[in-house]
Protein backbone atom coordinates (compact mmCIF):
# COMPACT_ATOMS: atom_id res chain seq x y z
CA MET A 1 117.53 129.47 76.27
CA ALA A 2 117.25 126.89 79.06
CA SER A 3 116.53 123.29 78.23
CA THR A 4 113.63 121.16 79.47
CA THR A 5 116.16 119.22 81.54
CA ASP A 6 117.17 122.48 83.26
CA ALA A 7 113.55 123.16 84.09
CA HIS A 8 113.06 119.70 85.62
CA THR A 9 116.37 119.97 87.48
CA ALA A 10 115.28 123.33 88.93
CA ALA A 11 111.92 121.83 89.93
CA GLN A 12 113.66 118.89 91.60
CA GLY A 13 116.05 121.32 93.35
CA GLU A 14 113.11 123.09 95.00
CA MET A 15 112.14 119.81 96.72
CA ASP A 16 115.75 118.98 97.73
CA LEU A 17 116.23 122.24 99.62
CA LEU A 18 115.91 122.41 103.42
CA ARG A 19 115.54 125.76 105.13
CA PHE A 20 116.28 125.59 108.81
CA ALA A 21 116.48 128.17 111.57
CA THR A 22 118.82 127.92 114.52
CA ALA A 23 118.00 129.30 117.95
CA GLY A 24 119.66 129.14 121.31
CA SER A 25 120.66 131.12 124.38
CA VAL A 26 123.87 133.14 124.54
CA ASP A 27 126.93 130.89 124.58
CA ASP A 28 125.01 127.69 123.74
CA GLY A 29 127.42 127.32 120.81
CA LYS A 30 125.03 128.03 117.96
CA SER A 31 127.48 129.85 115.71
CA THR A 32 130.14 127.22 116.51
CA LEU A 33 127.71 124.50 115.43
CA ILE A 34 127.01 126.21 112.09
CA GLY A 35 130.75 126.67 111.61
CA ARG A 36 131.19 122.96 112.32
CA LEU A 37 128.48 122.03 109.77
CA LEU A 38 130.15 124.26 107.16
CA LEU A 39 133.60 122.84 107.93
CA ASP A 40 132.73 119.15 108.08
CA SER A 41 130.55 119.37 104.95
CA LYS A 42 133.56 120.97 103.20
CA SER A 43 131.55 124.11 102.43
CA ILE A 44 134.25 126.65 103.27
CA PHE A 45 137.43 127.52 101.41
CA GLU A 46 140.91 126.92 102.75
CA ASP A 47 141.69 130.62 102.96
CA GLN A 48 138.52 131.17 105.08
CA LEU A 49 139.63 128.45 107.48
CA GLU A 50 143.20 129.84 107.59
CA ALA A 51 141.83 133.30 108.42
CA VAL A 52 139.68 131.90 111.25
CA GLU A 53 142.64 129.88 112.60
CA SER A 54 144.82 133.00 112.48
CA THR A 55 142.18 135.15 114.26
CA SER A 56 141.70 132.44 116.90
CA GLN A 57 145.46 132.40 117.60
CA SER A 58 145.63 136.21 117.78
CA LYS A 59 142.85 136.12 120.40
CA GLY A 60 144.86 133.67 122.44
CA TYR A 61 142.53 130.66 121.94
CA ASP A 62 144.03 127.17 122.03
CA TYR A 63 141.38 125.98 119.54
CA THR A 64 139.94 127.12 116.21
CA ASP A 65 136.90 129.32 116.96
CA LEU A 66 134.46 128.13 114.28
CA ALA A 67 131.92 130.75 115.38
CA LEU A 68 134.03 133.32 113.57
CA LEU A 69 132.87 131.76 110.29
CA THR A 70 129.30 132.93 110.92
CA ASP A 71 129.28 135.95 113.24
CA GLY A 72 129.78 138.57 110.52
CA LEU A 73 128.99 141.81 112.30
CA ARG A 74 131.95 143.43 114.10
CA SER A 75 129.87 143.93 117.24
CA GLU A 76 128.97 140.24 117.16
CA ARG A 77 132.57 139.15 116.92
CA GLU A 78 133.65 141.48 119.69
CA GLN A 79 130.84 140.40 122.04
CA GLY A 80 130.78 136.78 120.90
CA ILE A 81 127.04 136.89 120.28
CA THR A 82 124.63 136.81 117.31
CA ILE A 83 122.48 139.91 116.75
CA ASP A 84 121.11 139.91 113.23
CA VAL A 85 119.64 137.06 111.16
CA ALA A 86 122.50 135.68 109.08
CA TYR A 87 121.71 133.40 106.15
CA ARG A 88 124.24 130.71 105.24
CA TYR A 89 124.16 128.42 102.24
CA PHE A 90 125.79 125.00 101.92
CA ALA A 91 125.16 121.69 100.20
CA THR A 92 125.93 118.01 100.52
CA PRO A 93 125.43 115.38 97.83
CA ALA A 94 122.04 114.60 99.42
CA ARG A 95 120.51 118.08 99.79
CA LYS A 96 120.96 121.85 99.64
CA PHE A 97 120.56 123.91 102.79
CA ILE A 98 119.77 127.48 103.80
CA ILE A 99 120.49 128.26 107.46
CA ALA A 100 118.85 131.20 109.15
CA ASP A 101 121.15 131.86 112.11
CA THR A 102 118.84 133.76 114.43
CA PRO A 103 119.67 135.68 117.65
CA GLY A 104 118.69 134.28 121.03
CA HIS A 105 118.19 137.45 123.08
CA ILE A 106 114.64 138.45 123.99
CA GLN A 107 115.19 141.94 122.54
CA TYR A 108 115.78 140.31 119.14
CA THR A 109 112.56 138.24 119.11
CA ARG A 110 111.50 140.02 115.91
CA ASN A 111 114.72 138.87 114.21
CA MET A 112 114.00 135.29 115.16
CA VAL A 113 110.43 135.50 113.90
CA THR A 114 111.78 136.79 110.57
CA GLY A 115 114.36 134.01 110.25
CA ALA A 116 112.05 131.14 111.29
CA SER A 117 108.94 132.22 109.32
CA THR A 118 110.02 130.31 106.20
CA ALA A 119 111.88 127.44 107.90
CA ASP A 120 111.10 123.77 107.37
CA LEU A 121 112.96 122.85 110.53
CA GLY A 122 113.89 124.57 113.79
CA LEU A 123 117.17 123.72 115.51
CA VAL A 124 117.19 124.68 119.20
CA LEU A 125 120.49 124.41 121.05
CA VAL A 126 120.82 123.98 124.80
CA ASP A 127 123.95 123.82 126.88
CA ALA A 128 124.16 120.39 128.55
CA ARG A 129 125.46 122.07 131.74
CA GLN A 130 122.59 124.59 131.92
CA GLY A 131 119.71 122.39 130.75
CA LEU A 132 116.53 124.04 129.57
CA THR A 133 116.47 127.79 130.10
CA GLU A 134 113.74 130.39 129.78
CA GLN A 135 115.16 131.29 126.38
CA SER A 136 115.08 127.66 125.20
CA ARG A 137 111.39 127.44 126.09
CA ARG A 138 110.67 130.77 124.38
CA HIS A 139 112.37 129.61 121.21
CA ALA A 140 110.29 126.43 121.17
CA VAL A 141 107.09 128.46 121.66
CA LEU A 142 108.00 130.80 118.81
CA LEU A 143 108.84 127.93 116.48
CA SER A 144 105.52 126.32 117.43
CA LEU A 145 103.60 129.60 116.81
CA LEU A 146 105.29 129.90 113.43
CA ARG A 147 104.19 126.31 112.64
CA VAL A 148 107.72 125.13 111.86
CA PRO A 149 106.89 121.44 111.23
CA HIS A 150 110.12 119.79 112.43
CA LEU A 151 112.11 120.52 115.55
CA VAL A 152 115.58 119.30 116.62
CA LEU A 153 116.80 119.83 120.18
CA ALA A 154 120.61 119.69 120.04
CA ILE A 155 122.08 119.17 123.49
CA ASN A 156 125.51 120.79 123.02
CA LYS A 157 128.72 120.71 125.08
CA MET A 158 128.14 117.10 126.10
CA ASP A 159 131.93 116.82 126.39
CA LEU A 160 131.75 119.17 129.41
CA VAL A 161 129.39 116.79 131.30
CA ASP A 162 131.54 113.70 130.46
CA TRP A 163 129.01 112.47 127.87
CA SER A 164 126.56 111.67 130.64
CA GLN A 165 123.52 109.69 129.44
CA GLU A 166 121.75 110.76 132.62
CA VAL A 167 122.10 114.46 131.69
CA TYR A 168 120.84 113.73 128.12
CA GLU A 169 117.83 111.76 129.39
CA LYS A 170 116.91 114.45 131.95
CA ILE A 171 116.91 117.27 129.37
CA HIS A 172 115.15 115.05 126.82
CA LYS A 173 112.37 114.17 129.26
CA GLU A 174 111.94 117.80 130.45
CA PHE A 175 111.76 119.21 126.91
CA SER A 176 109.43 116.46 125.65
CA SER A 177 107.09 117.18 128.53
CA PHE A 178 107.11 120.93 127.72
CA ALA A 179 106.60 120.19 124.01
CA THR A 180 103.30 118.41 124.68
CA LYS A 181 101.75 121.85 125.44
CA LEU A 182 102.85 123.10 122.02
CA ASN A 183 102.11 122.21 118.44
CA ILE A 184 105.30 120.32 117.63
CA PRO A 185 104.50 117.37 115.31
CA ASP A 186 108.11 116.05 114.91
CA LEU A 187 110.84 116.21 117.56
CA GLU A 188 114.38 114.78 117.49
CA VAL A 189 116.81 115.15 120.40
CA ILE A 190 120.52 114.76 119.61
CA PRO A 191 123.57 114.90 121.98
CA ILE A 192 126.46 116.79 120.34
CA SER A 193 129.69 118.66 120.83
CA ALA A 194 129.88 121.43 118.21
CA LEU A 195 133.47 122.27 119.18
CA GLN A 196 134.76 118.69 118.89
CA GLY A 197 132.37 117.65 116.10
CA ASP A 198 130.77 114.68 117.90
CA ASN A 199 127.42 113.58 116.37
CA VAL A 200 127.35 116.69 114.14
CA VAL A 201 128.43 115.14 110.82
CA ASN A 202 130.26 112.04 112.11
CA ARG A 203 128.94 109.60 114.70
CA SER A 204 130.67 109.87 118.07
CA GLU A 205 132.34 107.00 119.93
CA ASN A 206 131.66 108.93 123.16
CA THR A 207 127.90 108.20 123.00
CA PRO A 208 127.57 104.40 122.68
CA TRP A 209 124.23 104.72 124.51
CA TYR A 210 122.77 106.97 121.78
CA SER A 211 121.29 105.09 118.80
CA GLY A 212 119.66 108.01 116.93
CA PRO A 213 120.96 109.85 113.87
CA THR A 214 123.78 112.39 113.69
CA LEU A 215 122.58 115.97 113.17
CA MET A 216 123.68 116.05 109.52
CA HIS A 217 122.07 112.69 108.76
CA HIS A 218 118.78 113.95 110.21
CA LEU A 219 118.99 117.24 108.25
CA GLU A 220 119.70 115.33 105.05
CA HIS A 221 116.87 112.85 105.47
CA VAL A 222 114.05 114.67 107.26
CA HIS A 223 111.02 114.50 104.97
CA VAL A 224 109.67 117.98 104.15
CA ALA A 225 107.87 117.51 100.84
CA SER A 226 104.66 116.38 102.60
CA ASP A 227 104.68 119.51 104.81
CA ARG A 228 103.64 121.61 101.83
CA ASP A 229 99.98 122.00 100.96
CA LEU A 230 99.53 120.11 97.67
CA VAL A 231 95.72 120.10 97.84
CA ASP A 232 94.56 123.74 98.02
CA THR A 233 95.72 125.50 94.87
CA ARG A 234 96.98 129.01 95.59
CA PHE A 235 98.92 131.14 93.10
CA PRO A 236 99.32 134.83 94.05
CA VAL A 237 100.11 136.78 90.87
CA GLN A 238 103.28 138.78 91.29
CA TYR A 239 103.75 140.14 87.81
CA VAL A 240 101.87 140.24 84.51
CA ILE A 241 104.33 139.57 81.65
CA ARG A 242 103.48 141.48 78.43
CA PRO A 243 106.68 141.91 76.37
CA LYS A 244 104.89 143.88 73.58
CA SER A 245 107.55 142.88 71.06
CA ASP A 246 107.11 141.50 67.54
CA GLN A 247 108.54 138.14 68.63
CA TYR A 248 106.10 137.78 71.52
CA HIS A 249 103.23 139.91 70.22
CA ASP A 250 100.40 137.98 71.89
CA PHE A 251 102.39 136.77 74.93
CA ARG A 252 100.54 137.16 78.24
CA GLY A 253 101.86 135.28 81.24
CA TYR A 254 101.24 135.56 84.96
CA ALA A 255 104.36 135.11 87.08
CA GLY A 256 104.48 134.21 90.75
CA GLN A 257 105.41 131.61 93.36
CA VAL A 258 103.11 128.67 93.94
CA ALA A 259 101.79 128.93 97.51
CA GLY A 260 99.74 125.74 97.51
CA GLY A 261 98.40 122.89 95.42
CA VAL A 262 99.53 121.64 92.01
CA LEU A 263 99.06 123.59 88.79
CA LYS A 264 99.06 121.85 85.41
CA LYS A 265 97.83 122.31 81.86
CA GLY A 266 94.10 121.81 81.46
CA ASP A 267 93.20 122.74 85.05
CA GLU A 268 90.09 124.87 85.41
CA VAL A 269 90.90 127.90 87.57
CA VAL A 270 89.24 131.00 88.99
CA VAL A 271 90.87 134.42 89.29
CA LEU A 272 90.12 136.20 92.55
CA PRO A 273 88.70 138.59 93.57
CA SER A 274 86.95 139.05 90.16
CA GLY A 275 85.64 135.46 90.06
CA MET A 276 86.41 135.07 86.34
CA THR A 277 87.12 131.47 85.30
CA SER A 278 89.50 130.08 82.68
CA THR A 279 91.71 127.07 81.96
CA ILE A 280 95.52 126.81 82.24
CA SER A 281 96.97 126.50 78.76
CA LYS A 282 100.64 126.25 79.78
CA VAL A 283 102.94 126.26 82.81
CA GLU A 284 106.46 127.62 82.19
CA LEU A 285 109.71 127.55 84.14
CA PHE A 286 112.79 129.26 82.66
CA ASP A 287 110.98 129.77 79.33
CA GLN A 288 110.32 126.02 79.08
CA GLU A 289 106.98 124.30 79.42
CA ILE A 290 106.75 121.91 82.39
CA PRO A 291 104.03 119.34 83.17
CA GLU A 292 103.15 120.74 86.63
CA ALA A 293 104.12 123.25 89.29
CA PHE A 294 103.98 122.89 93.07
CA PRO A 295 105.18 124.85 96.15
CA PRO A 296 107.55 126.66 96.38
CA MET A 297 108.28 126.86 92.62
CA SER A 298 108.31 130.25 90.86
CA VAL A 299 106.66 129.84 87.45
CA THR A 300 104.68 131.60 84.73
CA ILE A 301 101.05 130.55 84.14
CA HIS A 302 99.23 131.02 80.83
CA LEU A 303 95.44 131.02 80.57
CA GLU A 304 93.32 130.14 77.55
CA ASP A 305 91.12 133.23 77.95
CA ASP A 306 92.09 136.90 78.05
CA VAL A 307 90.67 137.50 81.53
CA ASP A 308 91.58 140.58 83.59
CA VAL A 309 94.42 139.55 85.92
CA SER A 310 96.58 142.01 87.90
CA ARG A 311 99.35 141.87 90.50
CA GLY A 312 97.76 140.99 93.83
CA ASP A 313 95.10 138.72 92.32
CA MET A 314 95.09 135.02 93.13
CA ILE A 315 94.58 132.03 90.87
CA ALA A 316 92.82 129.10 92.61
CA ARG A 317 90.45 126.22 91.82
CA PRO A 318 86.73 127.15 91.45
CA LYS A 319 85.55 124.66 94.07
CA ASN A 320 88.41 125.21 96.47
CA ALA A 321 89.12 128.93 96.60
CA PRO A 322 89.87 131.21 99.57
CA LYS A 323 87.02 133.41 100.68
CA PRO A 324 87.81 137.16 100.25
CA SER A 325 87.99 138.53 103.79
CA GLN A 326 88.28 141.99 105.36
CA ASP A 327 87.91 141.10 109.07
CA ILE A 328 91.13 139.42 110.14
CA ASP A 329 91.87 137.70 113.47
CA ALA A 330 95.62 137.13 113.76
CA MET A 331 98.61 136.61 116.08
CA ILE A 332 101.00 139.53 115.56
CA CYS A 333 104.65 139.95 116.50
CA TRP A 334 105.28 143.67 116.95
CA MET A 335 108.63 144.90 115.65
CA THR A 336 109.06 148.57 116.44
CA ASN A 337 109.49 150.83 119.45
CA GLU A 338 106.19 152.71 119.02
CA PRO A 339 103.50 150.37 120.50
CA LEU A 340 100.59 148.88 118.55
CA ARG A 341 97.29 150.29 119.80
CA PRO A 342 93.59 149.99 118.89
CA ARG A 343 92.38 152.39 116.12
CA GLN A 344 95.88 152.51 114.63
CA LYS A 345 96.05 152.57 110.82
CA LEU A 346 98.77 150.75 108.90
CA ALA A 347 99.55 149.43 105.45
CA ILE A 348 99.22 145.66 105.07
CA LYS A 349 100.97 143.35 102.58
CA HIS A 350 99.47 139.88 102.14
CA THR A 351 101.16 137.66 99.51
CA THR A 352 101.41 140.11 96.54
CA ARG A 353 98.43 142.21 97.58
CA MET A 354 98.70 145.64 99.27
CA GLY A 355 96.03 147.45 101.26
CA ARG A 356 95.41 149.40 104.45
CA ALA A 357 94.31 148.04 107.80
CA MET A 358 92.93 149.42 111.05
CA VAL A 359 93.46 147.76 114.43
CA LYS A 360 89.97 147.02 115.81
CA ASP A 361 90.97 145.31 119.04
CA ILE A 362 93.84 143.70 120.98
CA GLN A 363 92.34 140.56 122.51
CA TYR A 364 95.35 139.50 124.57
CA ARG A 365 99.11 139.68 124.85
CA LEU A 366 100.86 136.26 124.98
CA ASP A 367 103.66 135.66 127.46
CA VAL A 368 105.90 133.40 125.35
CA ASN A 369 107.67 132.08 128.44
CA SER A 370 104.62 130.95 130.44
CA LEU A 371 101.98 130.89 127.65
CA HIS A 372 99.84 133.14 129.89
CA ARG A 373 97.28 135.31 128.00
CA ASP A 374 97.08 138.83 129.39
CA GLN A 375 93.57 139.95 128.36
CA GLU A 376 94.02 143.32 130.07
CA ALA A 377 96.75 144.38 127.66
CA GLY A 378 95.85 147.57 125.79
CA GLU A 379 98.88 147.62 123.52
CA LEU A 380 101.75 145.55 122.10
CA SER A 381 105.28 146.80 122.63
CA LEU A 382 108.50 145.92 120.75
CA ASN A 383 109.02 142.11 120.45
CA GLU A 384 105.65 141.30 122.05
CA ILE A 385 103.18 138.88 120.53
CA GLY A 386 99.39 139.15 120.84
CA ARG A 387 96.07 138.29 119.30
CA VAL A 388 94.73 141.21 117.30
CA GLN A 389 91.63 141.93 115.19
CA LEU A 390 92.09 143.98 112.00
CA ARG A 391 89.74 145.49 109.41
CA THR A 392 91.23 145.88 105.92
CA THR A 393 90.29 148.23 103.09
CA VAL A 394 90.71 145.53 100.44
CA PRO A 395 89.59 141.90 100.72
CA LEU A 396 92.48 139.53 101.54
CA LEU A 397 92.48 136.17 99.75
CA CYS A 398 93.74 134.26 102.76
CA ASP A 399 93.74 130.94 104.60
CA PRO A 400 94.37 130.17 108.27
CA TYR A 401 98.13 130.12 108.99
CA SER A 402 97.76 126.56 110.31
CA LYS A 403 96.62 125.53 106.80
CA ASN A 404 99.02 127.55 104.63
CA ARG A 405 102.00 129.51 105.99
CA THR A 406 102.18 131.70 102.84
CA THR A 407 98.54 132.73 102.35
CA GLY A 408 98.05 132.75 106.13
CA SER A 409 100.69 135.38 106.84
CA PHE A 410 101.10 139.11 106.28
CA ILE A 411 103.26 142.06 107.29
CA LEU A 412 102.24 145.46 108.61
CA ILE A 413 103.99 148.57 107.32
CA ASP A 414 104.25 152.10 108.68
CA GLU A 415 102.88 154.21 105.84
CA ALA A 416 104.96 157.25 106.76
CA THR A 417 108.35 155.51 106.79
CA GLY A 418 107.76 152.35 104.74
CA VAL A 419 109.27 150.28 107.58
CA THR A 420 107.89 146.82 108.41
CA VAL A 421 106.47 147.11 111.93
CA GLY A 422 104.62 143.82 112.43
CA ALA A 423 104.34 140.22 111.22
CA GLY A 424 101.00 138.43 111.43
CA MET A 425 99.71 134.87 111.37
CA ILE A 426 96.02 134.56 110.52
CA ASN A 427 93.75 132.53 112.79
CA THR A 428 90.41 133.21 111.11
CA ALA A 429 89.06 135.64 108.54
CA SER A 430 85.54 136.68 107.51
C-alpha cells in the first residue's frame, strides 16, 4: 500500500515533468542534439556510449556520432535521418523530461503532429549555414496550430559560421518576424553547437555576445504549470471501479485523468451528459486520499451519491460545464493515403467517449508553408491539414482547442480497419 507521502510525491512529479517535441530539417542535427542532452545530463550508460563510439569509428568518423543514441530504426541509422516519433526519457535534479523526437520531412507531418500534440514546449532546430528553410517555417506553423505554448529556436552548427553574431541576429530577426503571424506566446532563440556541446548544457566561451540561457537551463526553468487550465473543471471518466469483493463491498470509484480545473473533496459536480449532480466525497491517488487533483494527474474520484456514471461521461462543475455538441468545426490533420471527402463516415474518439461522425463539409485546405487557405479544395490527402465540419452521432462534451488541448481534440478512426486516420482540433461546437 502506498503512503500519503508517495501520493504527494507523485502529484508533485506531474508538475515537474516537461514534455517537449523536437523538429528540424534533415541534417539540422536534431538527433545529435538529443544525444548531447542525454550525454551531458549523464542519462546514458557507459556501455551505450562505448557502443556509439565503436560504431562511429567503424563508420570512419573522427568524432562520436551522438545521433546514434536516438535514431533507433535501422533505416534511420543507414540514411542518417529520423522517420518515426521516438520518445526519450531523462532527468536532471531540477526536472524530469520526455522528448518526442519527431521527423522533419513533409511526408511525415502526421508523425510530427502526433509527437507535438501533448508537448509543453517545441524545439525547432535550424542550421546556422542554411538559415530558415521552408521546413523550419512549417514546423513553427504546426507547433502554433497545436497550441504548443513555448517555443525554442535553436540555431545549431554555429561553430561552422565562426560563431558569428551577425548570422545569429539575422536568423533571430527573420524568425521573430515570421512568428508574429502565428500564435506563439513565448519564444527563446539560442545559438548552439550540438556536436561540440556549446550552450547545450554548459555555457560557451565562443558566444560572449550572447547573454541568454543555455538550452538545458531554459528547459529546466521554463514555467509550464500556468499553461494548464486550472479554472474549467473537466474529468473524463475512463473506468468505473467496482471490485465486488468482501473487502470493498460498497466501493465505487471513477478513474480518469484530470483534463482541467482542480477537484477536491466537497466540490459540487455535475455528471454529463445525464446532468445528474452530486458532491465529491474523496479524491484518491495510489489508494491514498489526497486533498486535490489537477491536470494532468490520473486519480480516482468518489461521489457521495450513487449516480449513474459510465466510461465516456464527464464530471464538471454545474455552473461551468461544457455544452454537449454534435456539430463540430475543427482543423484536421489527415493521416492516411485514402483522402478525406465530404459525406465520409468515420468513428470518432473524444477523450474517453466513442461515437461515429460524418464529414459535412471541407471549408478549406491550409498550406502550412504560406498559410494560404484553399477554399476550392474538395478533399484532404495524406499529411494535409484543413478546416472540416463534422456531425456526430453522440454529443461530444468538448471545449475549443484554444481553451483546453485535451477536451478540444479528437481522433478519427477507420471503422473497417481500426486505424487512426485523422487528428482534430476543435474550433467551435454547437
